[in-house]
Amino acid sequence: MTEDLSEPWVGMKEICIHLSVSRDTVSDWLNRRGLPGYKIGRSWKFKVSEIDHWLRSNAENQIANDTEGGDNA
């Protein structure tokens, strides 16, 4: 995958707005679910393209996990 060097880095506030979730949710995803982010000093930085790719991959994995579990009807 080719990295777009012109893509700007965004901070925690911008990524929360982009995802429409709280700071606590982003922190949880960083710590427990592997959300791609980079800690620089005390700040987190993100590439929106990496976040969007992560979301698509995790959505596909969640659907696969839901269907593999079988139904309990």
PDB file of N, CA and C in Angstrom:
ATOM      1  N   MET A   1       0.848  -1.165   0.000  1.00  0.00           N
ATOM      2  CA  MET A   1       0.000   0.000   0.000  1.00  0.00           C
ATOM      3  C   MET A   1       0.897   1.233   0.000  1.00  0.00           C
ATOM      4  N   THR A   2       0.601   2.172  -0.859  1.00  0.00           N
ATOM      5  CA  THR A   2       1.392   3.386  -0.965  1.00  0.00           C
ATOM      6  C   THR A   2       0.868   4.426   0.010  1.00  0.00           C
ATOM      7  N   GLU A   3       1.784   5.005   0.776  1.00  0.00           N
ATOM      8  CA  GLU A   3       1.398   6.021   1.753  1.00  0.00           C
ATOM      9  C   GLU A   3       1.311   7.379   1.066  1.00  0.00           C
ATOM     10  N   ASP A   4       0.222   8.099   1.341  1.00  0.00           N
ATOM     11  CA  ASP A   4       0.043   9.441   0.804  1.00  0.00           C
ATOM     12  C   ASP A   4       0.719  10.421   1.749  1.00  0.00           C
ATOM     13  N   LEU A   5       1.872  10.930   1.345  1.00  0.00           N
ATOM     14  CA  LEU A   5       2.645  11.819   2.198  1.00  0.00           C
ATOM     15  C   LEU A   5       1.976  13.171   2.378  1.00  0.00           C
ATOM     16  N   SER A   6       0.998  13.507   1.533  1.00  0.00           N
ATOM     17  CA  SER A   6       0.332  14.792   1.657  1.00  0.00           C
ATOM     18  C   SER A   6      -0.845  14.740   2.642  1.00  0.00           C
ATOM     19  N   GLU A   7      -1.218  13.541   3.084  1.00  0.00           N
ATOM     20  CA  GLU A   7      -2.327  13.436   4.024  1.00  0.00           C
ATOM     21  C   GLU A   7      -1.913  14.009   5.381  1.00  0.00           C
ATOM     22  N   PRO A   8      -2.696  14.935   5.903  1.00  0.00           N
ATOM     23  CA  PRO A   8      -2.319  15.535   7.187  1.00  0.00           C
ATOM     24  C   PRO A   8      -2.602  14.607   8.362  1.00  0.00           C
ATOM     25  N   TRP A   9      -1.864  14.816   9.430  1.00  0.00           N
ATOM     26  CA  TRP A   9      -2.134  14.143  10.691  1.00  0.00           C
ATOM     27  C   TRP A   9      -3.264  14.891  11.381  1.00  0.00           C
ATOM     28  N   VAL A  10      -4.115  14.159  12.088  1.00  0.00           N
ATOM     29  CA  VAL A  10      -5.173  14.802  12.876  1.00  0.00           C
ATOM     30  C   VAL A  10      -5.030  14.375  14.322  1.00  0.00           C
ATOM     31  N   GLY A  11      -5.575  15.177  15.207  1.00  0.00           N
ATOM     32  CA  GLY A  11      -5.493  14.894  16.631  1.00  0.00           C
ATOM     33  C   GLY A  11      -6.715  14.158  17.150  1.00  0.00           C
ATOM     34  N   MET A  12      -6.732  13.948  18.452  1.00  0.00           N
ATOM     35  CA  MET A  12      -7.811  13.216  19.115  1.00  0.00           C
ATOM     36  C   MET A  12      -9.171  13.872  18.869  1.00  0.00           C
ATOM     37  N   LYS A  13      -9.239  15.179  18.992  1.00  0.00           N
ATOM     38  CA  LYS A  13     -10.520  15.877  18.819  1.00  0.00           C
ATOM     39  C   LYS A  13     -11.076  15.647  17.418  1.00  0.00           C
ATOM     40  N   GLU A  14     -10.227  15.786  16.407  1.00  0.00           N
ATOM     41  CA  GLU A  14     -10.674  15.613  15.026  1.00  0.00           C
ATOM     42  C   GLU A  14     -11.102  14.176  14.740  1.00  0.00           C
ATOM     43  N   ILE A  15     -10.388  13.205  15.314  1.00  0.00           N
ATOM     44  CA  ILE A  15     -10.749  11.813  15.038  1.00  0.00           C
ATOM     45  C   ILE A  15     -12.049  11.451  15.751  1.00  0.00           C
ATOM     46  N   CYS A  16     -12.284  12.026  16.926  1.00  0.00           N
ATOM     47  CA  CYS A  16     -13.564  11.815  17.622  1.00  0.00           C
ATOM     48  C   CYS A  16     -14.720  12.356  16.793  1.00  0.00           C
ATOM     49  N   ILE A  17     -14.519  13.537  16.213  1.00  0.00           N
ATOM     50  CA  ILE A  17     -15.550  14.122  15.352  1.00  0.00           C
ATOM     51  C   ILE A  17     -15.747  13.258  14.108  1.00  0.00           C
ATOM     52  N   HIS A  18     -14.666  12.836  13.480  1.00  0.00           N
ATOM     53  CA  HIS A  18     -14.739  12.002  12.270  1.00  0.00           C
ATOM     54  C   HIS A  18     -15.509  10.714  12.537  1.00  0.00           C
ATOM     55  N   LEU A  19     -15.278  10.107  13.698  1.00  0.00           N
ATOM     56  CA  LEU A  19     -15.919   8.826  14.032  1.00  0.00           C
ATOM     57  C   LEU A  19     -17.261   8.989  14.743  1.00  0.00           C
ATOM     58  N   SER A  20     -17.553  10.207  15.189  1.00  0.00           N
ATOM     59  CA  SER A  20     -18.780  10.486  15.956  1.00  0.00           C
ATOM     60  C   SER A  20     -18.843   9.646  17.230  1.00  0.00           C
ATOM     61  N   VAL A  21     -17.713   9.580  17.917  1.00  0.00           N
ATOM     62  CA  VAL A  21     -17.643   8.864  19.187  1.00  0.00           C
ATOM     63  C   VAL A  21     -16.901   9.733  20.204  1.00  0.00           C
ATOM     64  N   SER A  22     -16.964   9.324  21.458  1.00  0.00           N
ATOM     65  CA  SER A  22     -16.314  10.085  22.525  1.00  0.00           C
ATOM     66  C   SER A  22     -14.818   9.795  22.588  1.00  0.00           C
ATOM     67  N   ARG A  23     -14.120  10.652  23.308  1.00  0.00           N
ATOM     68  CA  ARG A  23     -12.686  10.462  23.546  1.00  0.00           C
ATOM     69  C   ARG A  23     -12.447   9.137  24.283  1.00  0.00           C
ATOM     70  N   ASP A  24     -13.322   8.796  25.222  1.00  0.00           N
ATOM     71  CA  ASP A  24     -13.189   7.533  25.955  1.00  0.00           C
ATOM     72  C   ASP A  24     -13.295   6.333  25.020  1.00  0.00           C
ATOM     73  N   THR A  25     -14.185   6.416  24.049  1.00  0.00           N
ATOM     74  CA  THR A  25     -14.337   5.313  23.093  1.00  0.00           C
ATOM     75  C   THR A  25     -13.085   5.169  22.238  1.00  0.00           C
ATOM     76  N   VAL A  26     -12.549   6.288  21.752  1.00  0.00           N
ATOM     77  CA  VAL A  26     -11.318   6.223  20.958  1.00  0.00           C
ATOM     78  C   VAL A  26     -10.184   5.644  21.805  1.00  0.00           C
ATOM     79  N   SER A  27     -10.076   6.080  23.052  1.00  0.00           N
ATOM     80  CA  SER A  27      -9.027   5.556  23.941  1.00  0.00           C
ATOM     81  C   SER A  27      -9.182   4.054  24.148  1.00  0.00           C
ATOM     82  N   ASP A  28     -10.419   3.611  24.324  1.00  0.00           N
ATOM     83  CA  ASP A  28     -10.682   2.175  24.487  1.00  0.00           C
ATOM     84  C   ASP A  28     -10.283   1.411  23.230  1.00  0.00           C
ATOM     85  N   TRP A  29     -10.655   1.943  22.072  1.00  0.00           N
ATOM     86  CA  TRP A  29     -10.294   1.279  20.817  1.00  0.00           C
ATOM     87  C   TRP A  29      -8.787   1.251  20.632  1.00  0.00           C
ATOM     88  N   LEU A  30      -8.087   2.294  21.027  1.00  0.00           N
ATOM     89  CA  LEU A  30      -6.627   2.309  20.943  1.00  0.00           C
ATOM     90  C   LEU A  30      -6.017   1.218  21.820  1.00  0.00           C
ATOM     91  N   ASN A  31      -6.527   1.102  23.037  1.00  0.00           N
ATOM     92  CA  ASN A  31      -5.950   0.184  24.022  1.00  0.00           C
ATOM     93  C   ASN A  31      -6.387  -1.262  23.859  1.00  0.00           C
ATOM     94  N   ARG A  32      -7.599  -1.499  23.371  1.00  0.00           N
ATOM     95  CA  ARG A  32      -8.141  -2.857  23.369  1.00  0.00           C
ATOM     96  C   ARG A  32      -8.399  -3.452  22.000  1.00  0.00           C
ATOM     97  N   ARG A  33      -8.558  -2.600  20.997  1.00  0.00           N
ATOM     98  CA  ARG A  33      -8.966  -3.118  19.696  1.00  0.00           C
ATOM     99  C   ARG A  33      -7.977  -2.835  18.577  1.00  0.00           C
ATOM    100  N   GLY A  34      -6.870  -2.192  18.880  1.00  0.00           N
ATOM    101  CA  GLY A  34      -5.847  -1.992  17.863  1.00  0.00           C
ATOM    102  C   GLY A  34      -6.093  -0.847  16.901  1.00  0.00           C
ATOM    103  N   LEU A  35      -6.877   0.153  17.314  1.00  0.00           N
ATOM    104  CA  LEU A  35      -7.065   1.331  16.468  1.00  0.00           C
ATOM    105  C   LEU A  35      -5.704   1.936  16.156  1.00  0.00           C
ATOM    106  N   PRO A  36      -5.406   2.202  14.884  1.00  0.00           N
ATOM    107  CA  PRO A  36      -4.089   2.749  14.546  1.00  0.00           C
ATOM    108  C   PRO A  36      -3.947   4.208  14.964  1.00  0.00           C
ATOM    109  N   GLY A  37      -3.003   4.467  15.826  1.00  0.00           N
ATOM    110  CA  GLY A  37      -2.717   5.817  16.280  1.00  0.00           C
ATOM    111  C   GLY A  37      -1.284   5.872  16.771  1.00  0.00           C
ATOM    112  N   TYR A  38      -0.752   7.069  16.838  1.00  0.00           N
ATOM    113  CA  TYR A  38       0.647   7.251  17.204  1.00  0.00           C
ATOM    114  C   TYR A  38       0.730   8.255  18.337  1.00  0.00           C
ATOM    115  N   LYS A  39       1.306   7.851  19.447  1.00  0.00           N
ATOM    116  CA  LYS A  39       1.459   8.749  20.574  1.00  0.00           C
ATOM    117  C   LYS A  39       2.760   9.516  20.417  1.00  0.00           C
ATOM    118  N   ILE A  40       2.635  10.815  20.355  1.00  0.00           N
ATOM    119  CA  ILE A  40       3.783  11.702  20.207  1.00  0.00           C
ATOM    120  C   ILE A  40       3.767  12.622  21.426  1.00  0.00           C
ATOM    121  N   GLY A  41       4.675  12.360  22.339  1.00  0.00           N
ATOM    122  CA  GLY A  41       4.639  13.087  23.607  1.00  0.00           C
ATOM    123  C   GLY A  41       3.380  12.705  24.366  1.00  0.00           C
ATOM    124  N   ARG A  42       2.561  13.688  24.687  1.00  0.00           N
ATOM    125  CA  ARG A  42       1.303  13.422  25.382  1.00  0.00           C
ATOM    126  C   ARG A  42       0.100  13.432  24.450  1.00  0.00           C
ATOM    127  N   SER A  43       0.348  13.608  23.164  1.00  0.00           N
ATOM    128  CA  SER A  43      -0.742  13.723  22.186  1.00  0.00           C
ATOM    129  C   SER A  43      -0.827  12.484  21.307  1.00  0.00           C
ATOM    130  N   TRP A  44      -2.036  12.188  20.861  1.00  0.00           N
ATOM    131  CA  TRP A  44      -2.252  11.137  19.887  1.00  0.00           C
ATOM    132  C   TRP A  44      -2.425  11.766  18.521  1.00  0.00           C
ATOM    133  N   LYS A  45      -1.854  11.136  17.494  1.00  0.00           N
ATOM    134  CA  LYS A  45      -1.994  11.581  16.114  1.00  0.00           C
ATOM    135  C   LYS A  45      -2.489  10.418  15.265  1.00  0.00           C
ATOM    136  N   PHE A  46      -3.298  10.747  14.268  1.00  0.00           N
ATOM    137  CA  PHE A  46      -3.946   9.743  13.438  1.00  0.00           C
ATOM    138  C   PHE A  46      -3.917  10.154  11.979  1.00  0.00           C
ATOM    139  N   LYS A  47      -3.962   9.157  11.102  1.00  0.00           N
ATOM    140  CA  LYS A  47      -4.185   9.351   9.677  1.00  0.00           C
ATOM    141  C   LYS A  47      -5.602   8.851   9.400  1.00  0.00           C
ATOM    142  N   VAL A  48      -6.443   9.716   8.869  1.00  0.00           N
ATOM    143  CA  VAL A  48      -7.846   9.356   8.639  1.00  0.00           C
ATOM    144  C   VAL A  48      -7.957   8.134   7.727  1.00  0.00           C
ATOM    145  N   SER A  49      -7.090   8.031   6.729  1.00  0.00           N
ATOM    146  CA  SER A  49      -7.152   6.878   5.820  1.00  0.00           C
ATOM    147  C   SER A  49      -6.888   5.566   6.570  1.00  0.00           C
ATOM    148  N   GLU A  50      -5.971   5.581   7.540  1.00  0.00           N
ATOM    149  CA  GLU A  50      -5.691   4.369   8.330  1.00  0.00           C
ATOM    150  C   GLU A  50      -6.875   4.018   9.220  1.00  0.00           C
ATOM    151  N   ILE A  51      -7.502   5.042   9.789  1.00  0.00           N
ATOM    152  CA  ILE A  51      -8.674   4.813  10.643  1.00  0.00           C
ATOM    153  C   ILE A  51      -9.813   4.225   9.814  1.00  0.00           C
ATOM    154  N   ASP A  52     -10.058   4.787   8.629  1.00  0.00           N
ATOM    155  CA  ASP A  52     -11.131   4.285   7.770  1.00  0.00           C
ATOM    156  C   ASP A  52     -10.865   2.848   7.335  1.00  0.00           C
ATOM    157  N   HIS A  53      -9.617   2.534   7.010  1.00  0.00           N
ATOM    158  CA  HIS A  53      -9.264   1.159   6.639  1.00  0.00           C
ATOM    159  C   HIS A  53      -9.501   0.212   7.824  1.00  0.00           C
ATOM    160  N   TRP A  54      -9.102   0.634   9.026  1.00  0.00           N
ATOM    161  CA  TRP A  54      -9.293  -0.166  10.239  1.00  0.00           C
ATOM    162  C   TRP A  54     -10.781  -0.419  10.469  1.00  0.00           C
ATOM    163  N   LEU A  55     -11.595   0.624  10.285  1.00  0.00           N
ATOM    164  CA  LEU A  55     -13.039   0.468  10.480  1.00  0.00           C
ATOM    165  C   LEU A  55     -13.626  -0.545   9.511  1.00  0.00           C
ATOM    166  N   ARG A  56     -13.250  -0.430   8.237  1.00  0.00           N
ATOM    167  CA  ARG A  56     -13.763  -1.372   7.240  1.00  0.00           C
ATOM    168  C   ARG A  56     -13.338  -2.801   7.571  1.00  0.00           C
ATOM    169  N   SER A  57     -12.087  -2.991   7.943  1.00  0.00           N
ATOM    170  CA  SER A  57     -11.582  -4.327   8.282  1.00  0.00           C
ATOM    171  C   SER A  57     -12.293  -4.892   9.501  1.00  0.00           C
ATOM    172  N   ASN A  58     -12.475  -4.067  10.522  1.00  0.00           N
ATOM    173  CA  ASN A  58     -13.131  -4.549  11.732  1.00  0.00           C
ATOM    174  C   ASN A  58     -14.608  -4.820  11.511  1.00  0.00           C
ATOM    175  N   ALA A  59     -15.247  -4.054  10.657  1.00  0.00           N
ATOM    176  CA  ALA A  59     -16.655  -4.312  10.342  1.00  0.00           C
ATOM    177  C   ALA A  59     -16.782  -5.662   9.643  1.00  0.00           C
ATOM    178  N   GLU A  60     -15.880  -5.945   8.700  1.00  0.00           N
ATOM    179  CA  GLU A  60     -15.904  -7.226   8.001  1.00  0.00           C
ATOM    180  C   GLU A  60     -15.638  -8.374   8.976  1.00  0.00           C
ATOM    181  N   ASN A  61     -14.678  -8.197   9.888  1.00  0.00           N
ATOM    182  CA  ASN A  61     -14.370  -9.233  10.882  1.00  0.00           C
ATOM    183  C   ASN A  61     -15.543  -9.454  11.820  1.00  0.00           C
ATOM    184  N   GLN A  62     -16.221  -8.378  12.223  1.00  0.00           N
ATOM    185  CA  GLN A  62     -17.366  -8.503  13.128  1.00  0.00           C
ATOM    186  C   GLN A  62     -18.490  -9.271  12.455  1.00  0.00           C
ATOM    187  N   ILE A  63     -18.745  -8.972  11.178  1.00  0.00           N
ATOM    188  CA  ILE A  63     -19.786  -9.694  10.450  1.00  0.00           C
ATOM    189  C   ILE A  63     -19.417 -11.169  10.347  1.00  0.00           C
ATOM    190  N   ALA A  64     -18.165 -11.473  10.050  1.00  0.00           N
ATOM    191  CA  ALA A  64     -17.721 -12.868   9.955  1.00  0.00           C
ATOM    192  C   ALA A  64     -17.870 -13.576  11.299  1.00  0.00           C
ATOM    193  N   ASN A  65     -17.494 -12.911  12.390  1.00  0.00           N
ATOM    194  CA  ASN A  65     -17.620 -13.510  13.720  1.00  0.00           C
ATOM    195  C   ASN A  65     -19.080 -13.747  14.089  1.00  0.00           C
ATOM    196  N   ASP A  66     -19.934 -12.817  13.725  1.00  0.00           N
ATOM    197  CA  ASP A  66     -21.364 -12.974  14.017  1.00  0.00           C
ATOM    198  C   ASP A  66     -21.964 -14.153  13.264  1.00  0.00           C
ATOM    199  N   THR A  67     -21.557 -14.363  12.015  1.00  0.00           N
ATOM    200  CA  THR A  67     -22.127 -15.454  11.230  1.00  0.00           C
ATOM    201  C   THR A  67     -21.514 -16.799  11.624  1.00  0.00           C
ATOM    202  N   GLU A  68     -20.268 -16.819  12.087  1.00  0.00           N
ATOM    203  CA  GLU A  68     -19.629 -18.077  12.486  1.00  0.00           C
ATOM    204  C   GLU A  68     -20.191 -18.596  13.805  1.00  0.00           C
ATOM    205  N   GLY A  69     -20.734 -17.707  14.610  1.00  0.00           N
ATOM    206  CA  GLY A  69     -21.241 -18.116  15.909  1.00  0.00           C
ATOM    207  C   GLY A  69     -22.495 -18.961  15.848  1.00  0.00           C
ATOM    208  N   GLY A  70     -23.116 -19.006  14.673  1.00  0.00           N
ATOM    209  CA  GLY A  70     -24.348 -19.760  14.533  1.00  0.00           C
ATOM    210  C   GLY A  70     -25.485 -19.000  15.166  1.00  0.00           C
ATOM    211  N   ASP A  71     -26.700 -19.462  14.898  1.00  0.00           N
ATOM    212  CA  ASP A  71     -27.821 -18.775  15.537  1.00  0.00           C
ATOM    213  C   ASP A  71     -28.381 -19.641  16.634  1.00  0.00           C
ATOM    214  N   ASN A  72     -28.899 -18.978  17.642  1.00  0.00           N
ATOM    215  CA  ASN A  72     -29.397 -19.673  18.826  1.00  0.00           C
ATOM    216  C   ASN A  72     -30.909 -19.708  18.833  1.00  0.00           C
ATOM    217  N   ALA A  73     -31.550 -19.760  17.674  1.00  0.00           N
ATOM    218  CA  ALA A  73     -32.992 -19.731  17.595  1.00  0.00           C
ATOM    219  C   ALA A  73     -33.584 -21.077  17.893  1.00  0.00           C
TER     220      ALA A  73
END
